[in-house]
Amino acid sequence: MPKCEQQPPEFAVGDSHTARCWLYESSVEERIA
Protein backbone atom coordinates (compact mmCIF):
# COMPACT_ATOMS: atom_id res chain seq x y z
CA MET A 1 0.00 0.00 0.00
CA PRO A 2 1.43 3.40 -0.96
CA LYS A 3 2.04 5.91 1.78
CA CYS A 4 -0.66 8.57 2.06
CA GLU A 5 -0.51 12.13 3.29
CA GLN A 6 -1.07 12.42 7.02
CA GLN A 7 -4.52 13.87 7.71
CA PRO A 8 -6.34 14.59 10.97
CA PRO A 9 -9.14 12.12 11.83
CA GLU A 10 -11.74 14.87 11.35
CA PHE A 11 -10.68 15.15 7.69
CA ALA A 12 -10.21 11.43 7.12
CA VAL A 13 -13.74 10.58 8.24
CA GLY A 14 -15.13 12.60 5.32
CA ASP A 15 -13.20 10.61 2.69
CA SER A 16 -13.19 6.82 2.74
CA HIS A 17 -9.94 6.53 0.75
CA THR A 18 -8.15 9.07 2.93
CA ALA A 19 -9.62 7.41 6.02
CA ARG A 20 -8.22 4.01 5.04
CA CYS A 21 -4.84 5.59 4.30
CA TRP A 22 -4.83 7.56 7.55
CA LEU A 23 -5.87 4.54 9.61
CA TYR A 24 -3.22 2.40 7.91
CA GLU A 25 -0.52 4.99 8.55
CA SER A 26 -1.66 5.38 12.16
CA SER A 27 -1.58 1.62 12.77
CA VAL A 28 1.95 1.43 11.34
CA GLU A 29 3.12 4.27 13.59
CA GLU A 30 1.55 2.60 16.63
CA ARG A 31 3.31 -0.70 15.90
CA ILE A 32 6.65 1.09 15.44
CA ALA A 33 6.21 3.23 18.57
PDB file of N, CA and C in Angstrom:
ATOM      1  N   MET A   1       0.851  -1.205   0.000  1.00  0.00           N
ATOM      2  CA  MET A   1       0.000   0.000   0.000  1.00  0.00           C
ATOM      3  C   MET A   1       0.878   1.244   0.000  1.00  0.00           C
ATOM      4  N   PRO A   2       0.626   2.175  -0.907  1.00  0.00           N
ATOM      5  CA  PRO A   2       1.434   3.399  -0.960  1.00  0.00           C
ATOM      6  C   PRO A   2       1.182   4.271   0.260  1.00  0.00           C
ATOM      7  N   LYS A   3       2.227   5.002   0.651  1.00  0.00           N
ATOM      8  CA  LYS A   3       2.037   5.912   1.783  1.00  0.00           C
ATOM      9  C   LYS A   3       1.104   7.043   1.375  1.00  0.00           C
ATOM     10  N   CYS A   4       0.291   7.501   2.330  1.00  0.00           N
ATOM     11  CA  CYS A   4      -0.657   8.566   2.056  1.00  0.00           C
ATOM     12  C   CYS A   4      -0.302   9.776   2.918  1.00  0.00           C
ATOM     13  N   GLU A   5      -0.768  10.930   2.499  1.00  0.00           N
ATOM     14  CA  GLU A   5      -0.511  12.131   3.288  1.00  0.00           C
ATOM     15  C   GLU A   5      -1.187  12.012   4.649  1.00  0.00           C
ATOM     16  N   GLN A   6      -0.486  12.459   5.690  1.00  0.00           N
ATOM     17  CA  GLN A   6      -1.073  12.420   7.018  1.00  0.00           C
ATOM     18  C   GLN A   6      -2.213  13.431   7.104  1.00  0.00           C
ATOM     19  N   GLN A   7      -3.354  12.986   7.582  1.00  0.00           N
ATOM     20  CA  GLN A   7      -4.517  13.867   7.705  1.00  0.00           C
ATOM     21  C   GLN A   7      -5.124  13.679   9.094  1.00  0.00           C
ATOM     22  N   PRO A   8      -5.675  14.728   9.674  1.00  0.00           N
ATOM     23  CA  PRO A   8      -6.335  14.592  10.968  1.00  0.00           C
ATOM     24  C   PRO A   8      -7.579  13.724  10.839  1.00  0.00           C
ATOM     25  N   PRO A   9      -7.974  13.005  11.898  1.00  0.00           N
ATOM     26  CA  PRO A   9      -9.140  12.120  11.825  1.00  0.00           C
ATOM     27  C   PRO A   9     -10.382  12.853  11.342  1.00  0.00           C
ATOM     28  N   GLU A  10     -10.555  14.118  11.733  1.00  0.00           N
ATOM     29  CA  GLU A  10     -11.741  14.873  11.348  1.00  0.00           C
ATOM     30  C   GLU A  10     -11.848  14.945   9.818  1.00  0.00           C
ATOM     31  N   PHE A  11     -10.690  15.075   9.161  1.00  0.00           N
ATOM     32  CA  PHE A  11     -10.682  15.148   7.695  1.00  0.00           C
ATOM     33  C   PHE A  11     -10.880  13.752   7.099  1.00  0.00           C
ATOM     34  N   ALA A  12     -10.184  12.784   7.658  1.00  0.00           N
ATOM     35  CA  ALA A  12     -10.206  11.432   7.119  1.00  0.00           C
ATOM     36  C   ALA A  12     -11.609  10.842   7.110  1.00  0.00           C
ATOM     37  N   VAL A  13     -12.384  11.134   8.125  1.00  0.00           N
ATOM     38  CA  VAL A  13     -13.739  10.576   8.236  1.00  0.00           C
ATOM     39  C   VAL A  13     -14.584  10.969   7.034  1.00  0.00           C
ATOM     40  N   GLY A  14     -14.325  12.136   6.445  1.00  0.00           N
ATOM     41  CA  GLY A  14     -15.128  12.600   5.324  1.00  0.00           C
ATOM     42  C   GLY A  14     -14.761  11.933   4.001  1.00  0.00           C
ATOM     43  N   ASP A  15     -13.635  11.228   3.940  1.00  0.00           N
ATOM     44  CA  ASP A  15     -13.202  10.614   2.687  1.00  0.00           C
ATOM     45  C   ASP A  15     -12.744   9.181   2.962  1.00  0.00           C
ATOM     46  N   SER A  16     -13.473   8.216   2.423  1.00  0.00           N
ATOM     47  CA  SER A  16     -13.192   6.815   2.739  1.00  0.00           C
ATOM     48  C   SER A  16     -11.765   6.421   2.348  1.00  0.00           C
ATOM     49  N   HIS A  17     -11.287   6.876   1.183  1.00  0.00           N
ATOM     50  CA  HIS A  17      -9.937   6.526   0.754  1.00  0.00           C
ATOM     51  C   HIS A  17      -8.906   7.125   1.709  1.00  0.00           C
ATOM     52  N   THR A  18      -9.068   8.411   2.014  1.00  0.00           N
ATOM     53  CA  THR A  18      -8.146   9.070   2.932  1.00  0.00           C
ATOM     54  C   THR A  18      -8.236   8.434   4.312  1.00  0.00           C
ATOM     55  N   ALA A  19      -9.447   8.046   4.712  1.00  0.00           N
ATOM     56  CA  ALA A  19      -9.625   7.414   6.022  1.00  0.00           C
ATOM     57  C   ALA A  19      -8.837   6.113   6.088  1.00  0.00           C
ATOM     58  N   ARG A  20      -8.960   5.278   5.042  1.00  0.00           N
ATOM     59  CA  ARG A  20      -8.222   4.014   5.044  1.00  0.00           C
ATOM     60  C   ARG A  20      -6.728   4.278   5.091  1.00  0.00           C
ATOM     61  N   CYS A  21      -6.256   5.263   4.319  1.00  0.00           N
ATOM     62  CA  CYS A  21      -4.835   5.592   4.300  1.00  0.00           C
ATOM     63  C   CYS A  21      -4.392   6.071   5.671  1.00  0.00           C
ATOM     64  N   TRP A  22      -5.191   6.988   6.257  1.00  0.00           N
ATOM     65  CA  TRP A  22      -4.827   7.562   7.554  1.00  0.00           C
ATOM     66  C   TRP A  22      -4.805   6.481   8.625  1.00  0.00           C
ATOM     67  N   LEU A  23      -5.806   5.611   8.616  1.00  0.00           N
ATOM     68  CA  LEU A  23      -5.869   4.544   9.609  1.00  0.00           C
ATOM     69  C   LEU A  23      -4.699   3.590   9.427  1.00  0.00           C
ATOM     70  N   TYR A  24      -4.343   3.290   8.183  1.00  0.00           N
ATOM     71  CA  TYR A  24      -3.220   2.405   7.911  1.00  0.00           C
ATOM     72  C   TYR A  24      -1.925   3.023   8.432  1.00  0.00           C
ATOM     73  N   GLU A  25      -1.709   4.291   8.107  1.00  0.00           N
ATOM     74  CA  GLU A  25      -0.515   4.991   8.550  1.00  0.00           C
ATOM     75  C   GLU A  25      -0.464   5.030  10.075  1.00  0.00           C
ATOM     76  N   SER A  26      -1.611   5.298  10.707  1.00  0.00           N
ATOM     77  CA  SER A  26      -1.664   5.384  12.165  1.00  0.00           C
ATOM     78  C   SER A  26      -1.310   4.040  12.782  1.00  0.00           C
ATOM     79  N   SER A  27      -1.843   2.946  12.219  1.00  0.00           N
ATOM     80  CA  SER A  27      -1.578   1.625  12.773  1.00  0.00           C
ATOM     81  C   SER A  27      -0.094   1.287  12.650  1.00  0.00           C
ATOM     82  N   VAL A  28       0.523   1.682  11.540  1.00  0.00           N
ATOM     83  CA  VAL A  28       1.955   1.433  11.344  1.00  0.00           C
ATOM     84  C   VAL A  28       2.751   2.203  12.400  1.00  0.00           C
ATOM     85  N   GLU A  29       2.407   3.458  12.621  1.00  0.00           N
ATOM     86  CA  GLU A  29       3.120   4.271  13.594  1.00  0.00           C
ATOM     87  C   GLU A  29       2.973   3.691  14.999  1.00  0.00           C
ATOM     88  N   GLU A  30       1.779   3.172  15.305  1.00  0.00           N
ATOM     89  CA  GLU A  30       1.549   2.598  16.631  1.00  0.00           C
ATOM     90  C   GLU A  30       2.389   1.351  16.830  1.00  0.00           C
ATOM     91  N   ARG A  31       2.505   0.526  15.777  1.00  0.00           N
ATOM     92  CA  ARG A  31       3.309  -0.696  15.897  1.00  0.00           C
ATOM     93  C   ARG A  31       4.784  -0.342  16.065  1.00  0.00           C
ATOM     94  N   ILE A  32       5.244   0.679  15.354  1.00  0.00           N
ATOM     95  CA  ILE A  32       6.655   1.086  15.437  1.00  0.00           C
ATOM     96  C   ILE A  32       6.941   1.710  16.798  1.00  0.00           C
ATOM     97  N   ALA A  33       6.011   2.509  17.316  1.00  0.00           N
ATOM     98  CA  ALA A  33       6.215   3.229  18.567  1.00  0.00           C
ATOM     99  C   ALA A  33       6.430   2.254  19.730  1.00  0.00           C
TER     100      ALA A  33
END
